[in-house]
Amino acid sequence: MKEEKLYPLKFTPILKTKIWGGEKLHSVLGKEKTGNKIGESWEISGVDGDFSVVENGFLKGENLKDLILKYKEDLVGKSIYDRYKENFPLLVKFIDAKENLSVQVHPDDELASKRHDTLGKTEMWYIVQADPEAKIVTGFHQGISKEDYLSHLKSDSLEEILNKEVVESGDAFFIKAGLIHAIGAGVLLAEIQETSDITYRIYDYNRKGIDGEQRELHTQLALDSIDYKNNDDYKIRYSLKENNLNSLVDCSYFTTQLLHLKENDTFKLPIKQDCFLILMCVEGSARIEYEDGKEEVSVGESILIPANLKEITISSKNCKLLHVTI
């Protein structure tokens, strides 16, 4: 009997209804239309209660946690398995903000471990599409004391001290734990983050939730998480060379590069060093060819390439792919 081998895995998106969500995950990225306020598509998730489920090949129907337990380092890489065991270390999403998201902050690993027995959350954003004049929030205009911050919060004038900037397709941002941030109305983006669902909401425009009640704020929890300095290193400056892996973020949690291929280009991926690879298609489409077959990916789709697959060639139909490893 022929032994079944691991192959590039596609997962069924986990769609999340949000009060600020819209329809771009369907209209732009081709996700199933399940409502008019779908704010997030969890592409590859190892979060408890939201394990991604395979939708292609002989492993269809299997969830990511069970796959790691079964295949271990063949799937994620030996060093990754030794470090995280059966826990998948990254969560990748597409997010559609029809309305402003709350202003929020994430704790770092140390604080999150102490309070919640989980990882903190450092993340990055890649802007897939943005309406004219759509903005994001990244930190403060200038450094501020904890006392002044609380004063603005209590007087409902927090927006006066927030740094806001207009974004457009192709912009990228590195959101370290501790950086106050928010996605503004009209922004569709890809997010790569540590596997954590810990968020401290600090301001929400006095908005009510789906249940009609004022949404919970986490004022006290956030106080020790916020970086009150004026950080200006959040926007990622990068070159975009065709048929090349262009560096976006290289941190201890993940490494993200952007691969831009024109029509009919082919690109042989470098041999991975003991780690899985995630490819998120943010423009166009491509064919992923490996030893025993091929898989197609289109804009809005993501694919997990197991660590034990070494010969991967991408044939382009004019595409941009986020290339994510650890």
Protein backbone atom coordinates (compact mmCIF):
# COMPACT_ATOMS: atom_id res chain seq x y z
CA MET A 1 0.00 0.00 0.00
CA LYS A 2 1.37 3.39 -1.02
CA GLU A 3 2.24 5.60 1.95
CA GLU A 4 0.29 8.85 2.00
CA LYS A 5 2.62 11.85 2.19
CA LEU A 6 2.06 15.30 3.56
CA TYR A 7 1.24 17.97 0.98
CA PRO A 8 0.39 21.71 0.89
CA LEU A 9 -2.69 22.12 3.08
CA LYS A 10 -5.62 24.45 2.52
CA PHE A 11 -8.06 25.07 5.35
CA THR A 12 -11.71 26.07 5.54
CA PRO A 13 -11.80 29.75 6.57
CA ILE A 14 -13.27 30.44 10.01
CA LEU A 15 -15.51 33.46 9.44
CA LYS A 16 -16.22 35.76 12.38
CA THR A 17 -19.17 38.16 12.63
CA LYS A 18 -18.17 41.53 14.10
CA ILE A 19 -20.19 44.69 14.72
CA TRP A 20 -17.64 46.57 12.61
CA GLY A 21 -17.44 43.96 9.82
CA GLY A 22 -18.56 44.32 6.21
CA GLU A 23 -18.76 42.42 2.93
CA LYS A 24 -15.26 42.75 1.42
CA LEU A 25 -14.17 39.29 2.57
CA HIS A 26 -16.82 38.07 0.12
CA SER A 27 -16.75 40.75 -2.58
CA VAL A 28 -12.96 41.23 -2.76
CA LEU A 29 -11.50 38.00 -1.44
CA GLY A 30 -14.17 35.52 -2.53
CA LYS A 31 -15.07 34.15 0.90
CA GLU A 32 -18.46 32.51 1.41
CA LYS A 33 -21.16 35.11 2.05
CA THR A 34 -22.56 34.30 5.49
CA GLY A 35 -23.83 37.76 6.44
CA ASN A 36 -23.28 41.49 6.06
CA LYS A 37 -20.96 41.99 9.03
CA ILE A 38 -18.18 39.44 8.55
CA GLY A 39 -15.12 41.08 10.03
CA GLU A 40 -12.50 38.32 10.12
CA SER A 41 -11.49 35.22 8.21
CA TRP A 42 -9.19 33.07 10.32
CA GLU A 43 -7.11 31.35 7.66
CA ILE A 44 -4.84 29.11 9.74
CA SER A 45 -5.59 28.85 13.43
CA GLY A 46 -4.46 26.76 16.37
CA VAL A 47 -6.51 28.78 18.88
CA ASP A 48 -8.43 26.56 21.32
CA GLY A 49 -12.01 26.25 20.09
CA ASP A 50 -11.08 27.51 16.63
CA PHE A 51 -8.78 24.86 15.17
CA SER A 52 -8.54 25.10 11.38
CA VAL A 53 -9.91 22.14 9.43
CA VAL A 54 -8.29 20.85 6.21
CA GLU A 55 -10.39 21.23 3.07
CA ASN A 56 -8.16 19.54 0.45
CA GLY A 57 -6.62 16.11 -0.13
CA PHE A 58 -6.79 12.90 1.88
CA LEU A 59 -6.54 14.81 5.18
CA LYS A 60 -9.77 16.70 4.48
CA GLY A 61 -11.77 17.08 7.69
CA GLU A 62 -8.74 16.76 10.01
CA ASN A 63 -8.00 19.69 12.32
CA LEU A 64 -4.63 21.38 12.71
CA LYS A 65 -4.05 20.34 16.32
CA ASP A 66 -4.60 16.64 15.52
CA LEU A 67 -2.28 16.93 12.52
CA ILE A 68 0.54 18.31 14.69
CA LEU A 69 0.03 15.50 17.20
CA LYS A 70 0.23 12.96 14.38
CA TYR A 71 2.97 14.37 12.15
CA LYS A 72 4.96 16.48 14.66
CA GLU A 73 8.20 17.83 13.16
CA ASP A 74 7.31 16.59 9.68
CA LEU A 75 4.55 19.18 9.66
CA VAL A 76 5.97 22.11 11.64
CA GLY A 77 9.72 21.43 11.86
CA LYS A 78 11.77 19.92 14.70
CA SER A 79 12.80 23.17 16.36
CA ILE A 80 9.23 24.49 16.19
CA TYR A 81 7.80 21.28 17.62
CA ASP A 82 10.39 21.23 20.41
CA ARG A 83 9.47 24.81 21.30
CA TYR A 84 5.68 24.79 20.93
CA LYS A 85 4.77 21.06 21.03
CA GLU A 86 1.24 20.57 19.66
CA ASN A 87 0.46 24.32 19.73
CA PHE A 88 0.61 26.01 16.35
CA PRO A 89 2.56 29.24 16.96
CA LEU A 90 0.93 31.60 14.44
CA LEU A 91 -2.56 32.82 13.64
CA VAL A 92 -3.12 34.37 10.21
CA LYS A 93 -6.26 36.27 9.23
CA PHE A 94 -7.88 38.59 6.76
CA ILE A 95 -9.75 41.49 8.41
CA ASP A 96 -12.43 43.72 6.86
CA ALA A 97 -13.25 46.89 8.79
CA LYS A 98 -16.40 48.51 7.42
CA GLU A 99 -16.42 50.60 10.59
CA ASN A 100 -13.64 51.59 12.96
CA LEU A 101 -12.31 48.87 15.23
CA SER A 102 -11.87 49.71 18.89
CA VAL A 103 -8.62 51.32 19.99
CA GLN A 104 -6.75 48.51 21.70
CA VAL A 105 -3.46 47.15 22.95
CA HIS A 106 -1.99 43.67 23.40
CA PRO A 107 0.17 42.53 26.33
CA ASP A 108 3.63 41.09 25.75
CA ASP A 109 4.46 37.44 26.39
CA GLU A 110 5.57 38.00 30.00
CA LEU A 111 2.44 39.83 31.07
CA ALA A 112 0.08 37.57 29.09
CA SER A 113 1.68 34.48 30.61
CA LYS A 114 1.37 35.89 34.12
CA ARG A 115 -2.26 36.98 33.73
CA HIS A 116 -3.74 34.56 31.21
CA ASP A 117 -1.31 31.64 30.89
CA THR A 118 -1.00 32.34 27.17
CA LEU A 119 1.24 34.10 24.67
CA GLY A 120 1.08 37.83 24.19
CA LYS A 121 0.42 39.29 20.80
CA THR A 122 2.89 40.91 18.45
CA GLU A 123 1.48 41.19 14.94
CA MET A 124 1.88 42.73 11.52
CA TRP A 125 -0.56 44.11 8.95
CA TYR A 126 -0.38 44.12 5.16
CA ILE A 127 -2.97 46.39 3.54
CA VAL A 128 -4.77 44.46 0.79
CA GLN A 129 -7.24 47.22 -0.13
CA ALA A 130 -8.26 50.55 1.36
CA ASP A 131 -10.98 53.04 0.54
CA PRO A 132 -9.85 56.63 -0.18
CA GLU A 133 -8.67 58.37 3.00
CA ALA A 134 -9.04 55.20 5.10
CA LYS A 135 -6.84 55.39 8.21
CA ILE A 136 -5.26 53.31 10.94
CA VAL A 137 -4.21 54.26 14.47
CA THR A 138 -0.62 53.56 15.51
CA GLY A 139 0.38 54.87 18.92
CA PHE A 140 0.39 58.48 20.11
CA HIS A 141 1.34 61.74 18.38
CA GLN A 142 4.10 62.10 20.95
CA GLY A 143 5.23 60.51 24.17
CA ILE A 144 2.77 60.81 27.01
CA SER A 145 2.66 59.99 30.73
CA LYS A 146 0.31 57.38 32.15
CA GLU A 147 -1.42 60.15 34.11
CA ASP A 148 -2.04 62.32 31.02
CA TYR A 149 -3.26 59.28 29.12
CA LEU A 150 -5.81 58.52 31.88
CA SER A 151 -6.89 62.16 31.92
CA HIS A 152 -7.68 62.05 28.18
CA LEU A 153 -9.44 58.73 28.59
CA LYS A 154 -11.67 60.06 31.39
CA SER A 155 -12.49 63.26 29.50
CA ASP A 156 -13.39 61.31 26.34
CA SER A 157 -10.65 63.11 24.39
CA LEU A 158 -8.35 60.17 23.66
CA GLU A 159 -8.69 60.63 19.90
CA GLU A 160 -6.93 64.00 20.19
CA ILE A 161 -3.62 62.32 21.11
CA LEU A 162 -3.72 59.30 18.79
CA ASN A 163 -1.50 59.03 15.75
CA LYS A 164 -3.62 58.39 12.63
CA GLU A 165 -2.43 57.95 9.08
CA VAL A 166 -3.96 57.27 5.70
CA VAL A 167 -3.12 53.87 4.20
CA GLU A 168 -3.23 52.31 0.76
CA SER A 169 -2.77 48.89 -0.81
CA GLY A 170 0.73 47.51 -0.23
CA ASP A 171 1.43 49.39 2.99
CA ALA A 172 2.72 47.22 5.83
CA PHE A 173 2.93 47.80 9.58
CA PHE A 174 4.64 46.06 12.51
CA ILE A 175 2.45 46.21 15.62
CA LYS A 176 4.56 45.28 18.62
CA ALA A 177 2.93 44.26 21.88
CA GLY A 178 2.30 47.47 23.81
CA LEU A 179 1.59 49.69 20.78
CA ILE A 180 -1.90 51.22 20.89
CA HIS A 181 -3.54 50.58 17.53
CA ALA A 182 -6.79 50.37 15.59
CA ILE A 183 -7.90 49.51 12.07
CA GLY A 184 -10.03 52.27 10.59
CA ALA A 185 -13.17 52.06 8.49
CA GLY A 186 -12.58 51.05 4.87
CA VAL A 187 -9.45 48.95 5.44
CA LEU A 188 -9.05 45.34 4.29
CA LEU A 189 -5.83 43.72 5.48
CA ALA A 190 -3.91 40.52 6.13
CA GLU A 191 -2.75 39.98 9.71
CA ILE A 192 0.02 37.71 10.95
CA GLN A 193 0.33 37.29 14.71
CA GLU A 194 1.34 35.12 17.60
CA THR A 195 -1.30 32.54 18.49
CA SER A 196 -3.17 34.55 21.09
CA ASP A 197 -6.63 36.02 21.35
CA ILE A 198 -5.81 38.44 24.19
CA THR A 199 -6.88 42.01 23.45
CA TYR A 200 -7.37 44.92 25.84
CA ARG A 201 -10.00 47.32 24.50
CA ILE A 202 -9.36 50.84 25.75
CA TYR A 203 -11.70 53.02 23.67
CA ASP A 204 -14.68 52.10 21.51
CA TYR A 205 -16.36 55.34 20.42
CA ASN A 206 -19.08 54.73 23.05
CA ARG A 207 -20.37 51.98 20.79
CA LYS A 208 -22.85 49.28 21.76
CA GLY A 209 -22.38 45.63 20.93
CA ILE A 210 -24.69 43.28 19.04
CA ASP A 211 -26.51 42.66 22.33
CA GLY A 212 -27.29 46.37 22.65
CA GLU A 213 -25.06 46.80 25.69
CA GLN A 214 -22.01 49.04 25.99
CA ARG A 215 -18.96 47.00 25.00
CA GLU A 216 -16.56 46.11 27.80
CA LEU A 217 -13.41 48.18 28.20
CA HIS A 218 -10.22 46.90 29.83
CA THR A 219 -8.87 50.16 31.21
CA GLN A 220 -7.01 48.78 34.22
CA LEU A 221 -5.60 45.73 32.46
CA ALA A 222 -4.29 47.93 29.65
CA LEU A 223 -2.41 50.39 31.88
CA ASP A 224 0.63 48.17 32.39
CA SER A 225 0.61 46.99 28.77
CA ILE A 226 0.75 50.32 26.95
CA ASP A 227 3.99 51.72 25.56
CA TYR A 228 3.61 55.43 26.32
CA LYS A 229 6.63 56.48 24.26
CA ASN A 230 6.36 58.02 20.81
CA ASN A 231 7.23 55.06 18.57
CA ASP A 232 7.88 55.79 14.92
CA ASP A 233 9.17 52.39 13.80
CA TYR A 234 5.76 50.82 13.13
CA LYS A 235 5.60 51.46 9.37
CA ILE A 236 7.59 48.95 7.33
CA ARG A 237 9.76 50.43 4.60
CA TYR A 238 10.52 47.86 1.94
CA SER A 239 11.61 47.52 -1.67
CA LEU A 240 9.50 45.51 -4.09
CA LYS A 241 11.68 43.60 -6.52
CA GLU A 242 9.94 41.28 -8.93
CA ASN A 243 10.62 37.55 -8.78
CA ASN A 244 12.23 37.97 -5.40
CA LEU A 245 11.49 37.54 -1.69
CA ASN A 246 11.30 41.07 -0.28
CA SER A 247 11.79 41.35 3.48
CA LEU A 248 8.97 42.88 5.55
CA VAL A 249 9.39 41.68 9.15
CA ASP A 250 12.05 39.53 10.80
CA CYS A 251 11.37 39.15 14.51
CA SER A 252 11.53 36.33 17.05
CA TYR A 253 7.86 35.46 16.45
CA PHE A 254 7.72 35.33 12.65
CA THR A 255 9.52 36.26 9.48
CA THR A 256 7.44 37.69 6.64
CA GLN A 257 8.55 38.36 3.09
CA LEU A 258 6.59 39.52 0.06
CA LEU A 259 6.95 37.60 -3.19
CA HIS A 260 5.87 39.52 -6.30
CA LEU A 261 5.60 37.51 -9.52
CA LYS A 262 4.42 38.72 -12.91
CA GLU A 263 2.43 36.73 -15.45
CA ASN A 264 4.14 33.42 -16.34
CA ASP A 265 7.01 33.94 -13.88
CA THR A 266 8.24 30.91 -11.97
CA PHE A 267 10.06 30.98 -8.65
CA LYS A 268 11.76 28.10 -6.85
CA LEU A 269 11.49 28.61 -3.12
CA PRO A 270 14.73 28.37 -1.14
CA ILE A 271 15.07 25.20 0.93
CA LYS A 272 13.39 25.86 4.27
CA GLN A 273 15.40 25.43 7.44
CA ASP A 274 13.33 23.14 9.64
CA CYS A 275 10.10 25.13 9.60
CA PHE A 276 6.66 25.13 8.02
CA LEU A 277 5.80 27.83 5.48
CA ILE A 278 2.57 29.81 5.12
CA LEU A 279 1.71 31.51 1.84
CA MET A 280 -1.09 34.10 1.87
CA CYS A 281 -2.22 35.27 -1.56
CA VAL A 282 -2.91 39.02 -1.39
CA GLU A 283 -3.12 39.66 -5.13
CA GLY A 284 -3.68 37.57 -8.28
CA SER A 285 -3.25 33.81 -8.24
CA ALA A 286 -0.52 31.18 -8.44
CA ARG A 287 0.16 27.48 -8.76
CA ILE A 288 2.13 25.77 -5.98
CA GLU A 289 4.02 22.79 -7.45
CA TYR A 290 5.66 20.12 -5.31
CA GLU A 291 7.10 16.65 -5.81
CA ASP A 292 3.79 14.79 -5.93
CA GLY A 293 1.38 17.37 -7.32
CA LYS A 294 0.17 20.94 -7.34
CA GLU A 295 -2.29 23.29 -5.63
CA GLU A 296 -3.83 26.53 -6.86
CA VAL A 297 -4.15 29.63 -4.68
CA SER A 298 -6.07 32.79 -5.50
CA VAL A 299 -6.36 36.17 -3.82
CA GLY A 300 -7.75 35.69 -0.31
CA GLU A 301 -6.52 32.11 0.03
CA SER A 302 -3.79 30.78 2.30
CA ILE A 303 -1.83 27.54 2.25
CA LEU A 304 0.37 25.73 4.77
CA ILE A 305 3.42 23.96 3.34
CA PRO A 306 4.73 21.25 5.70
CA ALA A 307 8.33 21.43 6.89
CA ASN A 308 9.28 18.15 5.21
CA LEU A 309 8.44 19.42 1.70
CA LYS A 310 11.62 20.87 0.27
CA GLU A 311 11.09 21.26 -3.47
CA ILE A 312 8.47 23.97 -4.05
CA THR A 313 8.05 25.95 -7.27
CA ILE A 314 5.53 28.74 -7.71
CA SER A 315 4.11 29.43 -11.17
CA SER A 316 2.53 32.86 -11.29
CA LYS A 317 -0.62 34.22 -12.83
CA ASN A 318 0.49 37.69 -11.70
CA CYS A 319 0.48 37.52 -7.94
CA LYS A 320 1.70 38.80 -4.60
CA LEU A 321 2.20 36.27 -1.82
CA LEU A 322 3.05 36.84 1.83
CA HIS A 323 5.72 34.23 2.68
CA VAL A 324 5.61 33.51 6.43
CA THR A 325 7.93 31.33 8.52
CA ILE A 326 9.56 31.38 11.95
